[in-house]
Protein backbone atom coordinates (compact mmCIF):
# COMPACT_ATOMS: atom_id res chain seq x y z
CA MET A 1 0.00 0.00 0.00
CA PRO A 2 1.10 3.64 -0.42
CA THR A 3 3.28 4.87 2.41
CA ASN A 4 1.64 8.33 2.64
CA PRO A 5 -2.01 9.38 2.72
CA VAL A 6 -3.14 10.88 -0.58
CA THR A 7 -5.46 13.84 -0.69
CA ALA A 8 -8.05 14.21 -3.42
CA ASN A 9 -6.88 15.97 -6.55
CA PRO A 10 -9.11 19.04 -7.14
CA LEU A 11 -9.39 18.00 -10.79
CA ALA A 12 -11.12 14.77 -9.80
CA PRO A 13 -14.92 14.52 -10.11
CA ALA A 14 -16.86 14.71 -6.86
CA TRP A 15 -17.91 11.04 -6.95
CA LEU A 16 -14.33 9.71 -7.25
CA ARG A 17 -12.87 8.63 -3.95
CA VAL A 18 -9.15 8.45 -3.29
CA PRO A 19 -8.44 4.73 -2.87
CA ALA A 20 -6.70 3.50 0.25
CA ASP A 21 -4.82 1.19 -2.12
CA ALA A 22 -4.69 1.98 -5.84
CA ASN A 23 -3.93 -1.70 -6.52
CA ALA A 24 -7.10 -3.00 -4.86
CA LEU A 25 -9.83 -4.72 -6.88
CA THR A 26 -13.22 -3.54 -5.65
CA SER A 27 -15.70 -6.39 -5.31
CA GLY A 28 -18.55 -6.14 -7.78
CA LEU A 29 -16.57 -4.29 -10.45
CA TRP A 30 -14.49 -7.17 -11.73
CA PRO A 31 -15.26 -10.59 -13.24
CA ALA A 32 -15.80 -13.13 -10.47
CA SER A 33 -12.51 -14.98 -10.99
CA THR A 34 -10.33 -11.84 -10.92
CA SER A 35 -7.53 -11.72 -8.34
CA ARG A 36 -3.81 -11.07 -8.11
CA ASN A 37 -1.05 -13.65 -7.89
CA SER A 38 1.98 -13.48 -5.61
CA ALA A 39 3.81 -11.34 -8.18
CA GLY A 40 0.97 -8.81 -8.22
CA GLU A 41 -0.19 -9.76 -11.70
CA LEU A 42 -3.89 -9.71 -12.41
CA LEU A 43 -5.46 -13.15 -12.82
CA ILE A 44 -8.70 -13.88 -14.62
CA GLY A 45 -10.02 -17.38 -15.15
CA GLY A 46 -6.81 -18.65 -13.57
CA LEU A 47 -4.61 -16.96 -16.22
CA ALA A 48 -2.22 -14.05 -15.77
CA ALA A 49 -3.14 -10.94 -17.70
CA THR A 50 0.48 -10.69 -18.83
CA ASP A 51 0.29 -14.14 -20.40
CA LEU A 52 -2.98 -13.29 -22.15
CA ALA A 53 -1.50 -10.10 -23.52
CA ALA A 54 1.63 -11.92 -24.69
CA GLU A 55 -0.42 -14.58 -26.52
CA PHE A 56 -3.24 -12.50 -27.99
CA GLY A 57 -1.90 -8.94 -27.98
CA THR A 58 -3.60 -5.77 -26.80
CA PRO A 59 -6.13 -4.28 -26.78
CA LEU A 60 -7.82 -7.50 -25.73
CA TYR A 61 -11.35 -8.20 -24.54
CA VAL A 62 -11.41 -10.98 -21.93
CA ILE A 63 -14.61 -12.75 -20.86
CA ASP A 64 -14.83 -14.90 -17.74
CA GLU A 65 -16.92 -17.76 -19.15
CA THR A 66 -17.90 -19.22 -15.79
CA ASP A 67 -18.98 -15.81 -14.52
CA ALA A 68 -21.11 -15.14 -17.61
CA ARG A 69 -22.77 -18.54 -17.47
CA THR A 70 -23.36 -18.27 -13.71
CA ARG A 71 -24.90 -14.81 -14.02
CA ALA A 72 -27.27 -16.00 -16.75
CA ALA A 73 -28.41 -19.08 -14.82
CA SER A 74 -28.69 -17.19 -11.53
CA LEU A 75 -30.76 -14.39 -13.04
CA ARG A 76 -33.17 -16.83 -14.62
CA ALA A 77 -33.55 -18.87 -11.43
CA THR A 78 -34.04 -15.78 -9.27
CA PHE A 79 -36.75 -14.29 -11.47
CA GLU A 80 -38.50 -17.64 -11.89
CA ARG A 81 -38.54 -18.10 -8.10
CA GLU A 82 -40.02 -14.68 -7.41
CA PHE A 83 -42.65 -14.72 -10.12
CA THR A 84 -43.68 -18.27 -9.20
CA ARG A 85 -44.12 -16.92 -5.67
CA VAL A 86 -46.75 -14.43 -6.87
CA GLY A 87 -48.47 -16.93 -9.15
CA THR A 88 -47.16 -16.53 -12.67
CA SER A 89 -44.25 -17.47 -14.93
CA VAL A 90 -41.48 -15.39 -16.43
CA GLY A 91 -39.24 -15.43 -19.51
CA VAL A 92 -35.80 -13.81 -19.61
CA TYR A 93 -34.19 -12.54 -22.82
CA TYR A 94 -30.46 -12.07 -23.22
CA ALA A 95 -29.61 -8.83 -25.03
CA GLY A 96 -27.79 -9.85 -28.18
CA LYS A 97 -26.84 -6.25 -28.87
CA ALA A 98 -24.77 -6.15 -25.65
CA PHE A 99 -22.42 -8.82 -26.97
CA LEU A 100 -23.19 -11.67 -29.29
CA SER A 101 -21.00 -14.40 -30.68
CA ILE A 102 -21.89 -17.94 -31.65
CA GLU A 103 -20.42 -19.39 -28.47
CA VAL A 104 -21.96 -16.80 -26.17
CA ALA A 105 -25.35 -17.48 -27.75
CA ARG A 106 -24.86 -21.14 -26.82
CA TRP A 107 -23.96 -20.18 -23.24
CA MET A 108 -27.20 -18.23 -22.93
CA ALA A 109 -29.29 -21.01 -24.45
CA ASP A 110 -27.63 -23.52 -22.10
CA ALA A 111 -28.67 -21.30 -19.18
CA GLY A 112 -32.28 -21.41 -20.34
CA LEU A 113 -32.46 -17.84 -21.60
CA ASN A 114 -34.18 -16.58 -24.71
CA ILE A 115 -32.26 -14.15 -26.93
CA ASP A 116 -33.18 -10.73 -28.25
CA ILE A 117 -31.91 -9.89 -31.72
CA CYS A 118 -32.44 -6.71 -33.70
CA SER A 119 -30.89 -7.31 -37.11
CA GLY A 120 -30.48 -9.96 -39.77
CA GLY A 121 -26.86 -10.32 -38.72
CA GLU A 122 -27.72 -11.03 -35.08
CA LEU A 123 -30.37 -13.48 -36.26
CA ALA A 124 -27.75 -15.29 -38.35
CA VAL A 125 -25.39 -15.57 -35.35
CA ALA A 126 -28.11 -17.03 -33.12
CA LEU A 127 -29.13 -19.53 -35.78
CA ALA A 128 -25.48 -20.49 -36.42
CA ALA A 129 -25.25 -21.22 -32.69
CA GLY A 130 -28.11 -23.69 -33.03
CA VAL A 131 -30.50 -21.67 -30.86
CA ASP A 132 -34.11 -22.74 -31.30
CA PRO A 133 -35.77 -19.99 -33.40
CA GLY A 134 -38.75 -20.17 -31.08
CA ARG A 135 -36.56 -18.74 -28.32
CA LEU A 136 -35.68 -15.61 -30.29
CA GLY A 137 -37.36 -12.21 -30.15
CA PHE A 138 -36.85 -9.68 -32.99
CA HIS A 139 -36.66 -5.98 -32.08
CA GLY A 140 -36.06 -2.90 -34.18
CA ASN A 141 -37.78 0.23 -35.45
CA ASN A 142 -36.89 -0.36 -39.12
CA LYS A 143 -36.72 -4.08 -39.82
CA SER A 144 -36.25 -4.63 -43.52
CA LEU A 145 -38.73 -6.64 -45.57
CA ALA A 146 -36.03 -9.26 -46.06
CA GLU A 147 -35.34 -9.47 -42.31
CA ILE A 148 -39.04 -9.84 -41.49
CA ASP A 149 -39.46 -12.48 -44.18
CA GLU A 150 -36.48 -14.51 -42.95
CA ALA A 151 -37.57 -14.27 -39.31
CA VAL A 152 -41.08 -15.49 -40.13
CA ARG A 153 -39.76 -18.19 -42.45
CA ILE A 154 -37.54 -19.80 -39.82
CA GLY A 155 -40.28 -19.70 -37.17
CA ILE A 156 -39.03 -16.98 -34.85
CA GLY A 157 -40.67 -16.92 -31.44
CA SER A 158 -41.85 -13.33 -31.52
CA ILE A 159 -41.50 -10.10 -33.44
CA VAL A 160 -41.89 -6.76 -31.71
CA VAL A 161 -44.16 -4.51 -33.76
CA ASP A 162 -42.71 -1.02 -33.61
CA SER A 163 -45.08 0.86 -35.93
CA ALA A 164 -48.40 0.51 -37.73
CA ILE A 165 -46.56 -0.18 -40.99
CA GLU A 166 -44.98 -3.30 -39.54
CA ILE A 167 -48.35 -4.90 -38.81
CA ASP A 168 -49.07 -5.19 -42.53
CA ARG A 169 -45.51 -6.29 -43.35
CA ILE A 170 -45.37 -9.05 -40.75
CA ALA A 171 -48.88 -10.25 -41.58
CA ALA A 172 -48.01 -10.46 -45.28
CA ALA A 173 -44.84 -12.45 -44.57
CA ALA A 174 -46.72 -14.81 -42.24
CA THR A 175 -49.42 -15.39 -44.86
CA ARG A 176 -46.79 -16.02 -47.50
CA HIS A 177 -45.12 -18.70 -45.36
CA GLY A 178 -48.34 -20.22 -44.03
CA ARG A 179 -47.61 -19.27 -40.43
CA VAL A 180 -49.37 -17.57 -37.58
CA GLN A 181 -46.71 -15.21 -36.26
CA ALA A 182 -46.67 -14.19 -32.59
CA VAL A 183 -46.08 -10.46 -32.09
CA ARG A 184 -45.69 -7.99 -29.26
CA LEU A 185 -46.57 -4.31 -29.57
CA ARG A 186 -43.93 -1.85 -28.37
CA VAL A 187 -45.45 1.09 -26.54
CA ASN A 188 -44.05 4.13 -24.79
CA SER A 189 -45.25 4.43 -21.22
CA GLY A 190 -43.93 7.97 -20.85
CA VAL A 191 -41.48 6.80 -18.20
CA HIS A 192 -37.76 7.22 -18.72
CA ALA A 193 -35.35 5.77 -16.19
CA HIS A 194 -31.59 6.07 -15.84
CA THR A 195 -29.53 4.91 -12.84
CA HIS A 196 -31.49 5.96 -9.74
CA GLU A 197 -33.72 8.59 -11.34
CA PHE A 198 -36.83 8.42 -13.48
CA LEU A 199 -39.04 10.91 -15.27
CA ALA A 200 -42.73 10.36 -16.02
CA THR A 201 -44.36 12.39 -18.80
CA ALA A 202 -47.40 12.11 -21.04
CA HIS A 203 -45.46 11.18 -24.17
CA GLU A 204 -41.92 10.33 -25.12
CA ASP A 205 -40.17 11.92 -28.07
CA GLN A 206 -38.25 8.94 -29.41
CA LYS A 207 -38.01 6.68 -32.43
CA PHE A 208 -39.21 3.47 -30.78
CA GLY A 209 -42.77 2.30 -30.29
CA ILE A 210 -46.16 3.98 -30.22
CA THR A 211 -48.09 5.88 -27.56
CA LEU A 212 -50.20 4.04 -25.02
CA ASP A 213 -53.24 5.96 -26.30
CA ASP A 214 -52.77 4.38 -29.74
CA ALA A 215 -52.28 0.87 -28.43
CA PRO A 216 -55.94 -0.29 -28.56
CA THR A 217 -56.24 0.71 -32.21
CA ARG A 218 -53.01 -1.05 -33.17
CA VAL A 219 -53.90 -4.17 -31.20
CA ALA A 220 -57.26 -4.29 -32.97
CA ALA A 221 -55.40 -4.16 -36.28
CA ILE A 222 -53.16 -7.04 -35.19
CA ARG A 223 -56.12 -9.11 -34.07
CA ALA A 224 -57.82 -8.49 -37.42
CA GLU A 225 -54.98 -10.33 -39.20
CA ALA A 226 -55.54 -14.09 -39.28
CA SER A 227 -51.79 -14.63 -39.71
CA LEU A 228 -50.86 -12.78 -36.49
CA ARG A 229 -51.23 -13.73 -32.81
CA PHE A 230 -51.07 -10.94 -30.24
CA LEU A 231 -48.90 -11.78 -27.24
CA GLY A 232 -49.01 -8.51 -25.34
CA LEU A 233 -47.46 -5.11 -24.80
CA HIS A 234 -43.77 -4.43 -24.65
CA CYS A 235 -42.07 -1.43 -23.09
CA HIS A 236 -38.47 -0.41 -22.48
CA ILE A 237 -37.95 2.52 -20.13
CA GLY A 238 -34.17 2.92 -20.25
CA SER A 239 -30.77 1.42 -19.52
CA GLN A 240 -28.36 1.20 -16.59
CA ILE A 241 -31.29 1.42 -14.18
CA PHE A 242 -30.50 1.15 -10.45
CA GLY A 243 -33.93 0.96 -8.83
CA THR A 244 -37.52 -0.16 -9.36
CA ASP A 245 -39.46 3.12 -9.03
CA GLY A 246 -39.47 3.66 -12.79
CA PHE A 247 -40.64 0.09 -13.38
CA ALA A 248 -43.45 0.55 -10.85
CA GLU A 249 -44.79 3.64 -12.62
CA SER A 250 -44.40 2.11 -16.07
CA ALA A 251 -46.06 -1.16 -15.02
CA SER A 252 -48.99 0.75 -13.56
CA ARG A 253 -49.58 2.53 -16.86
CA LEU A 254 -49.10 -0.61 -18.94
CA LEU A 255 -51.39 -2.76 -16.81
CA ALA A 256 -54.21 -0.23 -17.15
CA VAL A 257 -54.05 -0.58 -20.93
CA HIS A 258 -53.47 -4.32 -20.65
CA ALA A 259 -56.70 -4.62 -18.63
CA GLY A 260 -58.64 -2.79 -21.32
CA LEU A 261 -57.25 -5.02 -24.04
CA LEU A 262 -58.50 -8.10 -22.19
CA GLU A 263 -62.06 -7.04 -22.93
CA ASN A 264 -61.65 -7.94 -26.60
CA GLY A 265 -59.36 -10.94 -26.50
CA PRO A 266 -56.52 -12.72 -24.73
CA VAL A 267 -53.36 -10.89 -23.67
CA PRO A 268 -51.17 -13.72 -22.39
CA GLU A 269 -47.96 -11.75 -21.75
CA LEU A 270 -46.52 -8.44 -20.62
CA ASN A 271 -42.93 -7.51 -21.43
CA LEU A 272 -41.58 -4.91 -18.98
CA GLY A 273 -38.20 -4.53 -20.68
CA GLY A 274 -35.21 -4.30 -18.40
CA GLY A 275 -31.96 -2.42 -18.69
CA PHE A 276 -30.78 -3.33 -15.19
CA GLY A 277 -27.67 -1.43 -14.13
CA ILE A 278 -24.18 -2.61 -13.22
CA ALA A 279 -21.27 -1.04 -11.35
CA TYR A 280 -18.61 0.67 -13.45
CA VAL A 281 -16.97 2.66 -10.62
CA ASP A 282 -16.77 2.38 -6.82
CA SER A 283 -19.62 4.83 -6.24
CA ASP A 284 -22.14 2.88 -8.35
CA THR A 285 -24.72 1.02 -6.24
CA PRO A 286 -26.93 -1.10 -8.51
CA SER A 287 -29.78 -3.15 -7.11
CA THR A 288 -29.10 -6.81 -6.44
CA LEU A 289 -30.87 -9.36 -8.61
CA ASP A 290 -32.69 -10.74 -5.55
CA ASP A 291 -34.02 -7.30 -4.71
CA LEU A 292 -34.99 -6.51 -8.31
CA ALA A 293 -36.81 -9.77 -8.85
CA SER A 294 -38.67 -9.60 -5.53
CA ARG A 295 -39.78 -5.99 -5.96
CA LEU A 296 -40.76 -6.39 -9.60
CA ALA A 297 -42.83 -9.50 -8.83
CA ASP A 298 -44.65 -7.62 -6.06
CA ILE A 299 -45.23 -4.62 -8.33
CA VAL A 300 -46.89 -6.75 -11.00
CA ALA A 301 -48.90 -8.82 -8.53
CA SER A 302 -50.28 -5.80 -6.67
CA GLY A 303 -51.06 -3.98 -9.92
CA CYS A 304 -53.07 -6.91 -11.26
CA ALA A 305 -54.87 -7.34 -7.93
CA GLU A 306 -55.91 -3.69 -7.90
CA LEU A 307 -57.31 -4.02 -11.43
CA GLY A 308 -58.94 -7.38 -10.74
CA ILE A 309 -57.22 -9.08 -13.67
CA PRO A 310 -55.25 -12.33 -13.88
CA LEU A 311 -51.48 -12.20 -13.79
CA PRO A 312 -50.05 -12.49 -17.30
CA ARG A 313 -46.79 -14.26 -18.09
CA ILE A 314 -44.05 -11.67 -17.65
CA ALA A 315 -40.99 -11.15 -19.85
CA PHE A 316 -37.80 -9.23 -19.05
CA GLU A 317 -34.78 -8.10 -21.05
CA PRO A 318 -32.18 -7.47 -18.36
CA GLY A 319 -29.51 -6.10 -20.73
CA ARG A 320 -25.87 -5.67 -19.77
CA VAL A 321 -26.19 -7.18 -16.28
CA ILE A 322 -25.31 -10.67 -17.55
CA ILE A 323 -22.32 -10.15 -19.82
CA GLY A 324 -21.08 -6.69 -18.79
CA PRO A 325 -19.47 -7.51 -15.42
CA ALA A 326 -18.01 -10.75 -16.82
CA GLY A 327 -15.63 -8.89 -19.11
CA LEU A 328 -12.58 -6.68 -18.93
CA THR A 329 -10.24 -5.09 -21.45
CA LEU A 330 -6.45 -5.17 -21.38
CA TYR A 331 -4.34 -2.32 -22.76
CA SER A 332 -0.63 -1.61 -23.06
CA VAL A 333 0.68 1.79 -21.97
CA GLY A 334 2.55 3.67 -24.67
CA THR A 335 3.23 7.12 -23.21
CA THR A 336 2.56 9.14 -20.08
CA LYS A 337 2.33 12.90 -19.80
CA ALA A 338 1.86 15.09 -16.71
CA VAL A 339 -0.36 18.04 -17.57
CA GLU A 340 -0.60 21.04 -15.22
CA VAL A 341 -4.10 22.49 -15.12
CA ALA A 342 -4.83 25.91 -13.65
CA GLY A 343 -7.38 25.98 -10.84
CA PRO A 344 -9.17 28.65 -8.80
CA ALA A 345 -6.59 28.44 -6.00
CA ALA A 346 -3.55 26.72 -7.47
CA ALA A 347 -2.50 24.58 -10.40
CA SER A 348 -3.02 20.82 -10.19
CA THR A 349 -1.58 17.98 -12.21
CA ARG A 350 -3.40 15.32 -14.17
CA LEU A 351 -1.38 12.40 -15.49
CA TYR A 352 -2.40 11.42 -19.01
CA VAL A 353 -1.72 7.74 -19.71
CA SER A 354 -2.05 6.78 -23.37
CA VAL A 355 -2.87 3.22 -24.36
CA ASP A 356 -2.96 1.23 -27.59
CA GLY A 357 -6.76 1.25 -27.93
CA GLY A 358 -9.43 3.83 -27.36
CA MET A 359 -12.71 4.81 -28.95
CA SER A 360 -12.36 2.04 -31.52
CA ASP A 361 -12.74 -0.62 -28.81
CA ASN A 362 -14.81 1.36 -26.26
CA VAL A 363 -16.76 4.27 -27.68
CA ARG A 364 -19.11 4.55 -24.67
CA PRO A 365 -17.12 7.32 -22.92
CA ALA A 366 -17.23 9.40 -26.11
CA LEU A 367 -20.89 8.60 -26.86
CA TYR A 368 -22.40 8.77 -23.39
CA GLY A 369 -19.78 10.22 -21.07
CA ALA A 370 -19.54 6.78 -19.47
CA ASP A 371 -17.12 6.36 -16.56
CA TYR A 372 -14.86 3.36 -15.99
CA THR A 373 -12.29 2.09 -13.50
CA VAL A 374 -8.66 1.17 -14.26
CA ARG A 375 -5.95 -0.82 -12.47
CA LEU A 376 -2.40 -1.96 -13.18
CA ALA A 377 -2.55 -5.52 -14.47
CA ASN A 378 1.12 -6.52 -14.64
CA ARG A 379 2.24 -5.53 -11.14
CA VAL A 380 1.38 -3.72 -7.92
CA SER A 381 3.10 -0.61 -6.60
CA THR A 382 3.56 1.14 -3.26
CA VAL A 383 4.00 4.53 -4.90
CA ASP A 384 1.39 7.10 -3.91
CA ALA A 385 -1.72 7.27 -6.10
CA ALA A 386 -1.99 9.89 -8.82
CA LEU A 387 -5.06 11.13 -10.67
CA VAL A 388 -4.94 9.70 -14.18
CA ARG A 389 -6.88 10.00 -17.38
CA ILE A 390 -6.54 7.00 -19.69
CA ALA A 391 -6.43 8.29 -23.24
CA GLY A 392 -6.75 6.33 -26.47
CA LYS A 393 -4.45 6.50 -29.48
CA HIS A 394 -6.96 7.99 -31.92
CA CYS A 395 -6.71 11.42 -33.47
CA GLU A 396 -9.56 12.84 -31.38
CA SER A 397 -9.35 14.94 -28.22
CA GLY A 398 -12.44 13.11 -26.95
CA ASP A 399 -10.77 9.71 -27.28
CA ILE A 400 -10.83 8.86 -23.58
CA VAL A 401 -11.10 5.35 -22.13
CA VAL A 402 -11.19 6.28 -18.43
CA ASN A 403 -11.95 9.90 -17.65
CA ALA A 404 -10.73 9.87 -14.06
CA ASP A 405 -9.28 7.35 -11.64
CA TYR A 406 -6.28 6.90 -9.39
CA LEU A 407 -3.31 4.69 -10.26
CA PRO A 408 0.07 4.34 -8.60
CA GLY A 409 2.04 7.39 -9.69
CA ASP A 410 4.82 5.31 -11.23
CA VAL A 411 2.60 3.95 -14.03
CA ALA A 412 4.87 3.96 -17.08
CA PRO A 413 5.27 2.92 -20.70
CA GLY A 414 5.19 -0.86 -20.98
CA ASP A 415 2.74 -1.34 -18.13
CA LEU A 416 -0.40 -3.37 -18.72
CA LEU A 417 -3.73 -1.87 -17.66
CA ALA A 418 -7.11 -3.52 -17.09
CA VAL A 419 -10.50 -1.83 -17.36
CA PRO A 420 -13.39 -3.88 -15.90
CA ALA A 421 -17.09 -4.10 -16.83
CA THR A 422 -16.44 -3.99 -20.58
CA GLY A 423 -18.26 -7.21 -21.51
CA ALA A 424 -21.29 -5.30 -22.81
CA TYR A 425 -21.56 -2.68 -25.55
CA CYS A 426 -17.81 -2.44 -26.15
CA TRP A 427 -16.98 -5.07 -28.77
CA SER A 428 -20.47 -4.71 -30.27
CA LEU A 429 -19.89 -0.95 -30.77
CA SER A 430 -16.28 -1.34 -31.87
CA ASN A 431 -15.13 0.24 -35.09
CA ASN A 432 -12.20 0.77 -37.43
CA TYR A 433 -11.59 4.47 -36.80
CA ASN A 434 -8.12 5.49 -37.99
CA TYR A 435 -7.95 2.03 -39.61
CA GLN A 436 -7.55 0.34 -36.27
CA GLY A 437 -8.39 -3.34 -36.42
CA ARG A 438 -11.06 -4.49 -34.01
CA ALA A 439 -9.65 -6.30 -30.98
CA PRO A 440 -10.07 -10.03 -30.40
CA VAL A 441 -12.40 -11.46 -27.76
CA VAL A 442 -11.04 -14.29 -25.61
CA ALA A 443 -12.92 -16.50 -23.16
CA VAL A 444 -11.10 -17.78 -20.08
CA LYS A 445 -12.05 -20.70 -17.87
CA ASN A 446 -10.14 -23.08 -15.60
CA ALA A 447 -6.73 -21.62 -16.55
CA ALA A 448 -7.38 -22.03 -20.28
CA ALA A 449 -8.20 -19.46 -22.95
CA HIS A 450 -9.71 -19.62 -26.39
CA VAL A 451 -10.73 -17.03 -28.96
CA LEU A 452 -14.45 -16.24 -29.28
CA VAL A 453 -13.98 -13.64 -32.03
CA ARG A 454 -10.65 -13.22 -33.75
CA GLY A 455 -9.08 -9.80 -34.00
CA GLU A 456 -8.68 -7.91 -37.24
CA THR A 457 -5.34 -7.35 -38.89
CA ILE A 458 -4.32 -4.59 -41.28
CA ALA A 459 -4.53 -7.21 -44.01
CA ASP A 460 -8.18 -7.78 -43.08
CA LEU A 461 -8.90 -4.07 -43.40
CA LEU A 462 -7.11 -3.76 -46.73
CA ALA A 463 -8.92 -6.81 -48.09
CA ARG A 464 -12.17 -4.84 -48.09
CA ASP A 465 -10.67 -2.03 -50.15
CA THR A 466 -11.35 -2.72 -53.83
CA GLY A 467 -8.38 -0.60 -54.81
CA LEU A 468 -6.23 -3.69 -54.24
CA LEU A 469 -8.16 -5.44 -57.01
CA THR A 470 -7.56 -2.71 -59.58
CA SER A 471 -4.29 -2.41 -61.50
CA PRO A 472 -2.79 1.10 -61.88
CA SER A 473 -3.42 1.06 -65.65
CA SER A 474 -7.13 0.41 -65.23
CA ARG A 475 -7.46 3.59 -63.18
CA THR A 476 -6.08 5.91 -65.83
CA SER A 477 -9.29 6.57 -67.78
CA PRO A 478 -12.85 7.29 -66.70
CA THR A 479 -14.09 4.80 -69.29
CA SER A 480 -12.21 1.85 -67.86
CA HIS A 481 -13.33 2.81 -64.33
CA THR A 482 -16.97 2.95 -65.39
CA SER A 483 -16.89 -0.36 -67.15
CA THR A 484 -15.28 -2.05 -64.19
CA THR A 485 -17.93 -0.68 -61.84
CA THR A 486 -20.71 -1.84 -64.15
CA ALA A 487 -19.24 -5.31 -64.50
CA ASP A 488 -18.87 -5.61 -60.71
CA THR A 489 -22.48 -4.68 -60.02
CA THR A 490 -23.90 -7.20 -62.49
CA ARG A 491 -22.18 -10.26 -61.10
């Protein structure tokens, strides 16, 4: 541990606490198997981070397979227990958009979860994994005709209707394939929730879903189609949610409409969405799964009792809470730079630590102002903690991986850093900015590692550029260029 007490740097945000030990791994932030060995190296899945970096390079996404599987199974069991307690059943959907690979899809299916997909590509991954199409739900505000047709053709479990236009499109596809397609109707409850706050309004100004006032008309249109079967309403009130107050208000509004819909036909289900939050920094205090499941079950049960209606089957889409905490990202330090920043009383110093990744492998800080935690992964140090900002290598001033945290002040080029809670929405949002190849994803379990998704090389990036296929002579005249383009498009 540091030999001297460290006072807070005035440049640090108010929520950031000075750690007693800048090497410590806060419980709840890191994958379950994370620890340090006797040399101070970070271990995950029984493997040293230094060995993983040496074998697979950095940046590197690492997923604790046992942790991910355990979280999925535990969440399902917890919600099933609580909703059985109040007299109904529940279905849990894994968020494919958080992170989806063929093997991860199999993990989720093994744990008894359904899977949400929202594109033809995600559908293809789930099918390649051998997931039963009946356990898939298709989201999206602009599903293409081809995507709808393919989903109906393979017998997808449900499609979420996002607009009036989609009712006709899905019904036509179902008729064409001789199926009766189950659909949910996405509605906006007027409740928006984020972390521990929520806002309730009359209407939401967003691209997804329809208003609750319009729901009876749209449900009547669905019921009028012989090729469609109405499952129930669907609502998503936000992401990274830390409490249940927003769900309580949203459920109250949804159940009132649900009760009215029962007058004209069955409404077997109600999908309350999800977006349960996780901890990214020490000050985050997300609800436990036990607390969420218990409170949500009570909210639904009491709401139905007040309305005098039977409990429907409930569906949830918990989001990042399954895969997010099971992952971390490893980076190599390239440069460090102490920057003196003027303050109201005196100047303070922020240590910029630049790594070999950035907004190409984690764009969430740039997109949402998301905060993360960082620790040395190759060693521990007794040097006093210093306020650091972990910067990426991209040609953007906003290319920040970790906006503010404390590391031992001797962090230096060649060190290996680890950023936890990157299992969700990091690889899936990754990109090739500045022609950076996307990083590989590796699963670790029982002191063994294997690649889930291989990383991209410069050769991979160049292979997509058709300039490699064109000889210099063929580029000398507009005529030859035009003919080549025409020939390519008619193949």
